[in-house]
Structure formats: structure tokens, C-alpha cells
Amino acid sequence: MFSAKILAAFAAISSIAQGSPLPDTDTGVDMFKRDAPLDARDVELANLHKVNLTQMYKHSVHRRNDGDHVTIWVNRSFRPTEESEVDLEARGVRLVANKGGSGDTDACKHSSFRTRTGPNGPFTGGLLQLSQWGNDNRGSFLTSNNDWTDLVIAGSNSGSNAKFAARSKAAGNFISRVGTFDIRDLARDTERMFKQQFDGRWRAAGEGTMPCATNTFPWNSPINIIGDRDMDWSILGTSTRV
């Protein structure tokens, strides 16, 4: 997904997102396997971050330079298309600059944007962490028809955690996808356009609709692609109803 500069004064807008480098606030990242067992502290954090552990797993912990570490929780429908930048760097593999994503990684097109920013919204740091995660990982998520699904949650000890949720509007036996680069761009643009200061803290939240790649089950079959269908998305606090 690609985006142009848009004034934050507009309540509803369309964007063509452009892939640009993000400021890296991480001092280190700990990666976890999908089936890694959780300890008591993990379960405690999941409860604090409003994570449904039957639907999501602990993907990584990002140690930030401000000391406020962020845990990334990811929906179990996530299908990586290749190793993340973090994995590659850990193995000393040279990264290719400005590497583009696959159709799965960048599965959506133009999106509308509407502000949901308020005094109970997530801190902007949570949105930036969602965007950074989407930039550093390659892959896509499945979305359910009619039902909202939490796909990525960025939870920290500072509270007001950010979540990216989506709902497919495809009818019938179709599966829609949203890619990590789509999440990167939406989180970045929502933070840029809709951030406001409340009691000395910057917060941002938003929602919109965009056409995303859709195919019949099985979702990863290369011969069943049927085109785009609209998908609703939202970036809100974990305690906020969609």
C-alpha cells in the first residue's frame, strides 16, 4: 500500500502509502517461536495487554531506548513469507536496501482514513511500534467475514496499548489478507495525521476501509486468486470497542 501527504484536518481521506524508513527506537529485540511455552509473567502481561491467548501468540519483545519495552502479540493466522529483518541481522545476513514486499506482504490498495483519536486512545509510541513491526517482518494475516479480529497488539508497561484489528467484507467462501507492509503504512499514517495531545501525552487512533487481495480456500493457493474485496481496519487502544 502506498500513501501521499494528507492534511490531518480532514476527517475522512484516501491515502496511497509510500514505503519510507522508520526511526528505529529499539535497542534490541527478543524473538519467540509460535509454540514457545508461556511463563506466569507472560500470562500476566497478556491479561494486562488484553490479549486472547487462544487467538494470539507472543511474537517478540522490543527493548526500547526509553526503557519502556514493548511486547508484540500476533494473531495465529499470521503466515510469514520469509525471515524477518531481526532474524537476518542476528545471523549476520546483509539486508537489501528498500526491499519490496510480496503480494502477501503488500496485499491492500488505497485506504480511507477516519480519526478515532481521543483521551483514552493508545499512545503514539504504540502506533510507531506497530509500524516498525510491520516494516521489519514479511507476511500476511487472514481476516474473518463480518467479525473483527485482533491481528497485532503492541503492549507496554506504560499502558494505553495499541491494537490493529480488521474485518473482511468479502461474501461467501472467500479469504481476505492484509500484509505486514499494509499495517506498517496504516499505523504510520494514522499517527502522522491524527495524533493529539491529552494531558501532556500524545495519542492517536483511526479506522478506514481498503480493498485487499482475496482468494478462495486454501488461502495460500496461487491459482485461486479472485481479486480484491473491501476490508475494514482499525487502530485503537486494547480496551476500546471497535
C-alpha atoms as a PDB file:
ATOM      1  CA  MET A   1       0.000   0.000   0.000  1.00  0.00           C
ATOM      2  CA  PHE A   2       1.311   3.430  -0.912  1.00  0.00           C
ATOM      3  CA  SER A   3       0.407   6.831   0.741  1.00  0.00           C
ATOM      4  CA  ALA A   4       0.541  10.530  -0.191  1.00  0.00           C
ATOM      5  CA  LYS A   5       0.791  13.505   2.204  1.00  0.00           C
ATOM      6  CA  ILE A   6      -2.612  14.307   3.606  1.00  0.00           C
ATOM      7  CA  LEU A   7      -3.697  17.088   5.945  1.00  0.00           C
ATOM      8  CA  ALA A   8      -4.762  15.888   9.373  1.00  0.00           C
ATOM      9  CA  ALA A   9      -7.636  18.351   9.361  1.00  0.00           C
ATOM     10  CA  PHE A  10      -9.669  16.083   7.132  1.00  0.00           C
ATOM     11  CA  ALA A  11     -11.831  13.578   8.993  1.00  0.00           C
ATOM     12  CA  ALA A  12     -12.102  11.143   6.084  1.00  0.00           C
ATOM     13  CA  ILE A  13      -9.438  10.844   3.421  1.00  0.00           C
ATOM     14  CA  SER A  14      -7.835   8.443   0.970  1.00  0.00           C
ATOM     15  CA  SER A  15      -4.180   7.508   1.019  1.00  0.00           C
ATOM     16  CA  ILE A  16      -1.626   5.887  -1.267  1.00  0.00           C
ATOM     17  CA  ALA A  17       1.042   4.828   1.194  1.00  0.00           C
ATOM     18  CA  GLN A  18       4.727   5.134   0.393  1.00  0.00           C
ATOM     19  CA  GLY A  19       7.293   2.830   1.968  1.00  0.00           C
ATOM     20  CA  SER A  20       9.751   5.012   3.852  1.00  0.00           C
ATOM     21  CA  PRO A  21      12.312   4.145   6.545  1.00  0.00           C
ATOM     22  CA  LEU A  22      11.145   4.421  10.130  1.00  0.00           C
ATOM     23  CA  PRO A  23      13.167   5.734  13.061  1.00  0.00           C
ATOM     24  CA  ASP A  24      14.464   2.734  14.989  1.00  0.00           C
ATOM     25  CA  THR A  25      13.889   3.176  18.720  1.00  0.00           C
ATOM     26  CA  ASP A  26      14.740  -0.431  19.605  1.00  0.00           C
ATOM     27  CA  THR A  27      17.919  -1.248  21.489  1.00  0.00           C
ATOM     28  CA  GLY A  28      17.328  -4.967  20.997  1.00  0.00           C
ATOM     29  CA  VAL A  29      14.662  -7.487  20.037  1.00  0.00           C
ATOM     30  CA  ASP A  30      13.940 -10.906  21.518  1.00  0.00           C
ATOM     31  CA  MET A  31      12.118 -13.254  19.125  1.00  0.00           C
ATOM     32  CA  PHE A  32       9.890 -16.151  20.214  1.00  0.00           C
ATOM     33  CA  LYS A  33       8.705 -19.268  18.425  1.00  0.00           C
ATOM     34  CA  ARG A  34       4.993 -19.599  17.802  1.00  0.00           C
ATOM     35  CA  ASP A  35       4.651 -22.631  20.064  1.00  0.00           C
ATOM     36  CA  ALA A  36       7.017 -21.412  22.809  1.00  0.00           C
ATOM     37  CA  PRO A  37       5.559 -22.068  26.291  1.00  0.00           C
ATOM     38  CA  LEU A  38       4.484 -19.035  28.305  1.00  0.00           C
ATOM     39  CA  ASP A  39       5.528 -18.462  31.890  1.00  0.00           C
ATOM     40  CA  ALA A  40       3.491 -16.775  34.627  1.00  0.00           C
ATOM     41  CA  ARG A  41       4.828 -13.332  33.699  1.00  0.00           C
ATOM     42  CA  ASP A  42       3.807 -13.831  30.066  1.00  0.00           C
ATOM     43  CA  VAL A  43       0.258 -14.697  31.115  1.00  0.00           C
ATOM     44  CA  GLU A  44       0.190 -11.651  33.384  1.00  0.00           C
ATOM     45  CA  LEU A  45       1.313  -9.415  30.509  1.00  0.00           C
ATOM     46  CA  ALA A  46      -1.260 -10.964  28.181  1.00  0.00           C
ATOM     47  CA  ASN A  47      -4.003 -10.068  30.654  1.00  0.00           C
ATOM     48  CA  LEU A  48      -2.671  -6.520  31.013  1.00  0.00           C
ATOM     49  CA  HIS A  49      -2.465  -6.120  27.242  1.00  0.00           C
ATOM     50  CA  LYS A  50      -5.982  -7.579  26.682  1.00  0.00           C
ATOM     51  CA  VAL A  51      -4.642 -10.489  24.628  1.00  0.00           C
ATOM     52  CA  ASN A  52      -6.724 -13.582  23.853  1.00  0.00           C
ATOM     53  CA  LEU A  53      -4.104 -16.327  24.094  1.00  0.00           C
ATOM     54  CA  THR A  54      -6.260 -18.814  22.188  1.00  0.00           C
ATOM     55  CA  GLN A  55      -6.074 -16.498  19.164  1.00  0.00           C
ATOM     56  CA  MET A  56      -2.678 -14.826  19.540  1.00  0.00           C
ATOM     57  CA  TYR A  57       0.882 -15.721  20.466  1.00  0.00           C
ATOM     58  CA  LYS A  58       3.901 -13.831  21.795  1.00  0.00           C
ATOM     59  CA  HIS A  59       5.970 -12.862  18.765  1.00  0.00           C
ATOM     60  CA  SER A  60       8.719 -10.595  20.142  1.00  0.00           C
ATOM     61  CA  VAL A  61       9.806  -8.166  22.847  1.00  0.00           C
ATOM     62  CA  HIS A  62      11.302  -4.864  21.680  1.00  0.00           C
ATOM     63  CA  ARG A  63      13.639  -3.236  24.185  1.00  0.00           C
ATOM     64  CA  ARG A  64      13.261   0.499  23.667  1.00  0.00           C
ATOM     65  CA  ASN A  65      15.859   3.145  24.375  1.00  0.00           C
ATOM     66  CA  ASP A  66      13.427   4.916  26.728  1.00  0.00           C
ATOM     67  CA  GLY A  67      13.210   1.806  28.908  1.00  0.00           C
ATOM     68  CA  ASP A  68       9.554   1.125  28.060  1.00  0.00           C
ATOM     69  CA  HIS A  69       9.799  -2.332  26.491  1.00  0.00           C
ATOM     70  CA  VAL A  70       7.037  -3.405  24.100  1.00  0.00           C
ATOM     71  CA  THR A  71       5.663  -6.927  23.665  1.00  0.00           C
ATOM     72  CA  ILE A  72       4.243  -7.750  20.238  1.00  0.00           C
ATOM     73  CA  TRP A  73       1.372 -10.248  20.200  1.00  0.00           C
ATOM     74  CA  VAL A  74       0.390 -11.674  16.808  1.00  0.00           C
ATOM     75  CA  ASN A  75      -2.714 -13.483  15.577  1.00  0.00           C
ATOM     76  CA  ARG A  76      -2.164 -17.173  14.873  1.00  0.00           C
ATOM     77  CA  SER A  77      -3.322 -16.693  11.273  1.00  0.00           C
ATOM     78  CA  PHE A  78      -0.044 -14.886  10.538  1.00  0.00           C
ATOM     79  CA  ARG A  79       1.903 -16.546   7.738  1.00  0.00           C
ATOM     80  CA  PRO A  80       5.464 -15.211   7.312  1.00  0.00           C
ATOM     81  CA  THR A  81       6.798 -15.255   3.763  1.00  0.00           C
ATOM     82  CA  GLU A  82      10.463 -15.050   4.787  1.00  0.00           C
ATOM     83  CA  GLU A  83      12.690 -14.406   7.755  1.00  0.00           C
ATOM     84  CA  SER A  84      12.264 -11.066   9.486  1.00  0.00           C
ATOM     85  CA  GLU A  85      14.935  -8.361   9.381  1.00  0.00           C
ATOM     86  CA  VAL A  86      15.602  -9.075  13.049  1.00  0.00           C
ATOM     87  CA  ASP A  87      16.291 -12.765  12.322  1.00  0.00           C
ATOM     88  CA  LEU A  88      18.537 -11.932   9.386  1.00  0.00           C
ATOM     89  CA  GLU A  89      20.537  -9.360  11.325  1.00  0.00           C
ATOM     90  CA  ALA A  90      21.002 -11.829  14.166  1.00  0.00           C
ATOM     91  CA  ARG A  91      22.578 -14.266  11.695  1.00  0.00           C
ATOM     92  CA  GLY A  92      24.739 -11.564  10.129  1.00  0.00           C
ATOM     93  CA  VAL A  93      22.934 -11.669   6.785  1.00  0.00           C
ATOM     94  CA  ARG A  94      23.246  -8.498   4.721  1.00  0.00           C
ATOM     95  CA  LEU A  95      19.886  -6.811   4.099  1.00  0.00           C
ATOM     96  CA  VAL A  96      18.959  -5.377   0.699  1.00  0.00           C
ATOM     97  CA  ALA A  97      18.037  -1.691   0.970  1.00  0.00           C
ATOM     98  CA  ASN A  98      14.450  -0.686   0.128  1.00  0.00           C
ATOM     99  CA  LYS A  99      13.440  -4.269  -0.430  1.00  0.00           C
ATOM    100  CA  GLY A 100       9.848  -4.531  -1.614  1.00  0.00           C
ATOM    101  CA  GLY A 101       7.261  -6.923  -0.265  1.00  0.00           C
ATOM    102  CA  SER A 102       5.463  -9.769  -1.963  1.00  0.00           C
ATOM    103  CA  GLY A 103       1.785  -9.759  -2.818  1.00  0.00           C
ATOM    104  CA  ASP A 104       1.113 -11.178   0.630  1.00  0.00           C
ATOM    105  CA  THR A 105       3.205  -8.553   2.408  1.00  0.00           C
ATOM    106  CA  ASP A 106       1.611  -5.674   0.493  1.00  0.00           C
ATOM    107  CA  ALA A 107      -1.891  -7.033  -0.139  1.00  0.00           C
ATOM    108  CA  CYS A 108      -4.067  -3.900   0.010  1.00  0.00           C
ATOM    109  CA  LYS A 109      -4.606  -0.730  -2.009  1.00  0.00           C
ATOM    110  CA  HIS A 110      -5.888   2.790  -1.304  1.00  0.00           C
ATOM    111  CA  SER A 111      -7.495   3.249   2.101  1.00  0.00           C
ATOM    112  CA  SER A 112      -9.891   5.757   3.564  1.00  0.00           C
ATOM    113  CA  PHE A 113      -8.962   7.223   6.959  1.00  0.00           C
ATOM    114  CA  ARG A 114     -11.185   8.445   9.789  1.00  0.00           C
ATOM    115  CA  THR A 115      -9.936   9.693  13.117  1.00  0.00           C
ATOM    116  CA  ARG A 116     -10.795   7.890  16.355  1.00  0.00           C
ATOM    117  CA  THR A 117      -8.318   9.835  18.484  1.00  0.00           C
ATOM    118  CA  GLY A 118      -9.463  10.686  21.990  1.00  0.00           C
ATOM    119  CA  PRO A 119      -8.245  10.961  25.590  1.00  0.00           C
ATOM    120  CA  ASN A 120      -8.432   7.165  26.025  1.00  0.00           C
ATOM    121  CA  GLY A 121      -6.690   6.286  22.773  1.00  0.00           C
ATOM    122  CA  PRO A 122      -3.351   4.491  22.525  1.00  0.00           C
ATOM    123  CA  PHE A 123      -0.117   6.422  22.943  1.00  0.00           C
ATOM    124  CA  THR A 124       1.591   7.307  19.668  1.00  0.00           C
ATOM    125  CA  GLY A 125       4.549   5.151  20.679  1.00  0.00           C
ATOM    126  CA  GLY A 126       2.319   2.100  20.349  1.00  0.00           C
ATOM    127  CA  LEU A 127       1.392   3.030  16.787  1.00  0.00           C
ATOM    128  CA  LEU A 128       5.018   3.626  15.880  1.00  0.00           C
ATOM    129  CA  GLN A 129       5.875   0.204  17.286  1.00  0.00           C
ATOM    130  CA  LEU A 130       3.115  -1.401  15.189  1.00  0.00           C
ATOM    131  CA  SER A 131       4.531   0.373  12.151  1.00  0.00           C
ATOM    132  CA  GLN A 132       8.084  -0.693  12.960  1.00  0.00           C
ATOM    133  CA  TRP A 133       6.986  -4.306  13.396  1.00  0.00           C
ATOM    134  CA  GLY A 134       5.212  -4.246  10.042  1.00  0.00           C
ATOM    135  CA  ASN A 135       8.330  -2.811   8.422  1.00  0.00           C
ATOM    136  CA  ASP A 136      10.639  -5.440   9.897  1.00  0.00           C
ATOM    137  CA  ASN A 137       8.513  -8.512   9.102  1.00  0.00           C
ATOM    138  CA  ARG A 138       7.230 -10.126   5.903  1.00  0.00           C
ATOM    139  CA  GLY A 139       3.929 -11.936   5.645  1.00  0.00           C
ATOM    140  CA  SER A 140       0.163 -11.598   5.877  1.00  0.00           C
ATOM    141  CA  PHE A 141      -2.876 -12.340   8.030  1.00  0.00           C
ATOM    142  CA  LEU A 142      -6.238 -13.898   7.293  1.00  0.00           C
ATOM    143  CA  THR A 143      -9.365 -11.924   8.149  1.00  0.00           C
ATOM    144  CA  SER A 144     -12.801 -13.221   9.057  1.00  0.00           C
ATOM    145  CA  ASN A 145     -16.017 -12.267   7.318  1.00  0.00           C
ATOM    146  CA  ASN A 146     -18.152  -9.915   9.432  1.00  0.00           C
ATOM    147  CA  ASP A 147     -16.214 -10.489  12.687  1.00  0.00           C
ATOM    148  CA  TRP A 148     -13.486  -8.138  13.910  1.00  0.00           C
ATOM    149  CA  THR A 149     -10.187  -9.899  14.586  1.00  0.00           C
ATOM    150  CA  ASP A 150      -7.237  -8.518  16.555  1.00  0.00           C
ATOM    151  CA  LEU A 151      -4.194  -9.129  14.340  1.00  0.00           C
ATOM    152  CA  VAL A 152      -1.327  -7.340  16.125  1.00  0.00           C
ATOM    153  CA  ILE A 153      -1.134  -5.859  19.630  1.00  0.00           C
ATOM    154  CA  ALA A 154       1.742  -3.706  20.882  1.00  0.00           C
ATOM    155  CA  GLY A 155       1.653  -3.813  24.669  1.00  0.00           C
ATOM    156  CA  SER A 156       3.902  -1.954  27.088  1.00  0.00           C
ATOM    157  CA  ASN A 157       4.134  -1.225  30.787  1.00  0.00           C
ATOM    158  CA  SER A 158       3.127   2.402  30.165  1.00  0.00           C
ATOM    159  CA  GLY A 159      -0.419   1.341  29.273  1.00  0.00           C
ATOM    160  CA  SER A 160      -2.766   2.559  26.529  1.00  0.00           C
ATOM    161  CA  ASN A 161      -1.651  -0.311  24.328  1.00  0.00           C
ATOM    162  CA  ALA A 162      -2.284  -0.214  20.564  1.00  0.00           C
ATOM    163  CA  LYS A 163      -4.001  -2.910  18.519  1.00  0.00           C
ATOM    164  CA  PHE A 164      -4.548  -3.401  14.801  1.00  0.00           C
ATOM    165  CA  ALA A 165      -7.825  -5.167  14.010  1.00  0.00           C
ATOM    166  CA  ALA A 166      -9.530  -5.977  10.714  1.00  0.00           C
ATOM    167  CA  ARG A 167     -12.780  -7.348   9.323  1.00  0.00           C
ATOM    168  CA  SER A 168     -13.235  -8.715   5.814  1.00  0.00           C
ATOM    169  CA  LYS A 169     -16.303  -7.658   3.847  1.00  0.00           C
ATOM    170  CA  ALA A 170     -15.932 -10.473   1.323  1.00  0.00           C
ATOM    171  CA  ALA A 171     -19.006 -12.652   0.930  1.00  0.00           C
ATOM    172  CA  GLY A 172     -19.102 -16.404   0.592  1.00  0.00           C
ATOM    173  CA  ASN A 173     -16.213 -18.846   0.888  1.00  0.00           C
ATOM    174  CA  PHE A 174     -13.507 -16.239   0.362  1.00  0.00           C
ATOM    175  CA  ILE A 175     -10.458 -15.443   2.482  1.00  0.00           C
ATOM    176  CA  SER A 176      -9.039 -11.907   2.580  1.00  0.00           C
ATOM    177  CA  ARG A 177      -5.492 -10.966   3.502  1.00  0.00           C
ATOM    178  CA  VAL A 178      -3.767  -7.924   4.970  1.00  0.00           C
ATOM    179  CA  GLY A 179       0.021  -7.705   4.777  1.00  0.00           C
ATOM    180  CA  THR A 180       2.658  -6.527   7.204  1.00  0.00           C
ATOM    181  CA  PHE A 181       3.554  -3.595   4.945  1.00  0.00           C
ATOM    182  CA  ASP A 182      -0.114  -2.575   4.908  1.00  0.00           C
ATOM    183  CA  ILE A 183      -0.084  -2.492   8.708  1.00  0.00           C
ATOM    184  CA  ARG A 184       3.171  -0.543   8.649  1.00  0.00           C
ATOM    185  CA  ASP A 185       1.721   2.150   6.402  1.00  0.00           C
ATOM    186  CA  LEU A 186      -1.652   2.419   8.137  1.00  0.00           C
ATOM    187  CA  ALA A 187      -0.112   2.732  11.606  1.00  0.00           C
ATOM    188  CA  ARG A 188       2.431   5.275  10.403  1.00  0.00           C
ATOM    189  CA  ASP A 189      -0.114   7.430   8.577  1.00  0.00           C
ATOM    190  CA  THR A 190      -2.653   7.266  11.409  1.00  0.00           C
ATOM    191  CA  GLU A 191      -0.013   8.523  13.839  1.00  0.00           C
ATOM    192  CA  ARG A 192       1.047  11.311  11.484  1.00  0.00           C
ATOM    193  CA  MET A 193      -2.441  12.519  10.630  1.00  0.00           C
ATOM    194  CA  PHE A 194      -4.452  12.088  13.812  1.00  0.00           C
ATOM    195  CA  LYS A 195      -2.119  12.487  16.797  1.00  0.00           C
ATOM    196  CA  GLN A 196      -3.321  14.850  19.522  1.00  0.00           C
ATOM    197  CA  GLN A 197      -2.016  15.747  22.946  1.00  0.00           C
ATOM    198  CA  PHE A 198      -4.084  14.974  26.041  1.00  0.00           C
ATOM    199  CA  ASP A 199      -2.737  15.836  29.493  1.00  0.00           C
ATOM    200  CA  GLY A 200       0.787  16.026  28.142  1.00  0.00           C
ATOM    201  CA  ARG A 201       0.683  12.661  26.318  1.00  0.00           C
ATOM    202  CA  TRP A 202       0.406  12.187  22.565  1.00  0.00           C
ATOM    203  CA  ARG A 203      -2.309   9.782  21.433  1.00  0.00           C
ATOM    204  CA  ALA A 204      -3.648   8.658  18.053  1.00  0.00           C
ATOM    205  CA  ALA A 205      -6.291   6.278  16.715  1.00  0.00           C
ATOM    206  CA  GLY A 206      -8.034   5.744  13.413  1.00  0.00           C
ATOM    207  CA  GLU A 207     -10.018   3.460  11.148  1.00  0.00           C
ATOM    208  CA  GLY A 208     -10.823   3.027   7.484  1.00  0.00           C
ATOM    209  CA  THR A 209     -11.726   0.747   4.590  1.00  0.00           C
ATOM    210  CA  MET A 210      -9.494  -0.572   1.802  1.00  0.00           C
ATOM    211  CA  PRO A 211      -9.622  -3.212  -0.953  1.00  0.00           C
ATOM    212  CA  CYS A 212      -7.395  -6.205  -0.193  1.00  0.00           C
ATOM    213  CA  ALA A 213      -6.418  -9.364  -2.037  1.00  0.00           C
ATOM    214  CA  THR A 214      -8.959 -12.151  -1.701  1.00  0.00           C
ATOM    215  CA  ASN A 215      -8.894 -15.781  -2.738  1.00  0.00           C
ATOM    216  CA  THR A 216     -10.748 -18.990  -2.093  1.00  0.00           C
ATOM    217  CA  PHE A 217      -9.690 -21.532   0.499  1.00  0.00           C
ATOM    218  CA  PRO A 218      -6.937 -22.674   0.893  1.00  0.00           C
ATOM    219  CA  TRP A 219      -5.821 -19.095   1.361  1.00  0.00           C
ATOM    220  CA  ASN A 220      -2.280 -19.648   0.045  1.00  0.00           C
ATOM    221  CA  SER A 221      -3.251 -21.372  -3.181  1.00  0.00           C
ATOM    222  CA  PRO A 222      -1.659 -19.458  -6.094  1.00  0.00           C
ATOM    223  CA  ILE A 223      -4.388 -20.460  -8.564  1.00  0.00           C
ATOM    224  CA  ASN A 224      -7.459 -19.332  -6.627  1.00  0.00           C
ATOM    225  CA  ILE A 225      -6.947 -15.566  -6.530  1.00  0.00           C
ATOM    226  CA  ILE A 226     -10.244 -13.854  -7.373  1.00  0.00           C
ATOM    227  CA  GLY A 227      -9.387 -10.173  -6.912  1.00  0.00           C
ATOM    228  CA  ASP A 228      -9.952  -7.535  -4.257  1.00  0.00           C
ATOM    229  CA  ARG A 229     -12.685  -7.140  -1.657  1.00  0.00           C
ATOM    230  CA  ASP A 230     -13.149  -4.347   0.857  1.00  0.00           C
ATOM    231  CA  MET A 231     -11.740  -4.749   4.345  1.00  0.00           C
ATOM    232  CA  ASP A 232     -12.411  -2.590   7.408  1.00  0.00           C
ATOM    233  CA  TRP A 233      -9.455  -1.858   9.694  1.00  0.00           C
ATOM    234  CA  SER A 234      -8.955  -0.030  12.973  1.00  0.00           C
ATOM    235  CA  ILE A 235      -6.069   1.066  15.174  1.00  0.00           C
ATOM    236  CA  LEU A 236      -7.365   1.615  18.690  1.00  0.00           C
ATOM    237  CA  GLY A 237      -6.481   1.054  22.316  1.00  0.00           C
ATOM    238  CA  THR A 238      -6.852  -2.514  23.524  1.00  0.00           C
ATOM    239  CA  SER A 239      -9.690  -1.519  25.866  1.00  0.00           C
ATOM    240  CA  THR A 240     -11.647   0.311  23.147  1.00  0.00           C
ATOM    241  CA  ARG A 241     -14.540  -1.394  21.365  1.00  0.00           C
ATOM    242  CA  VAL A 242     -14.366  -1.344  17.570  1.00  0.00           C
END
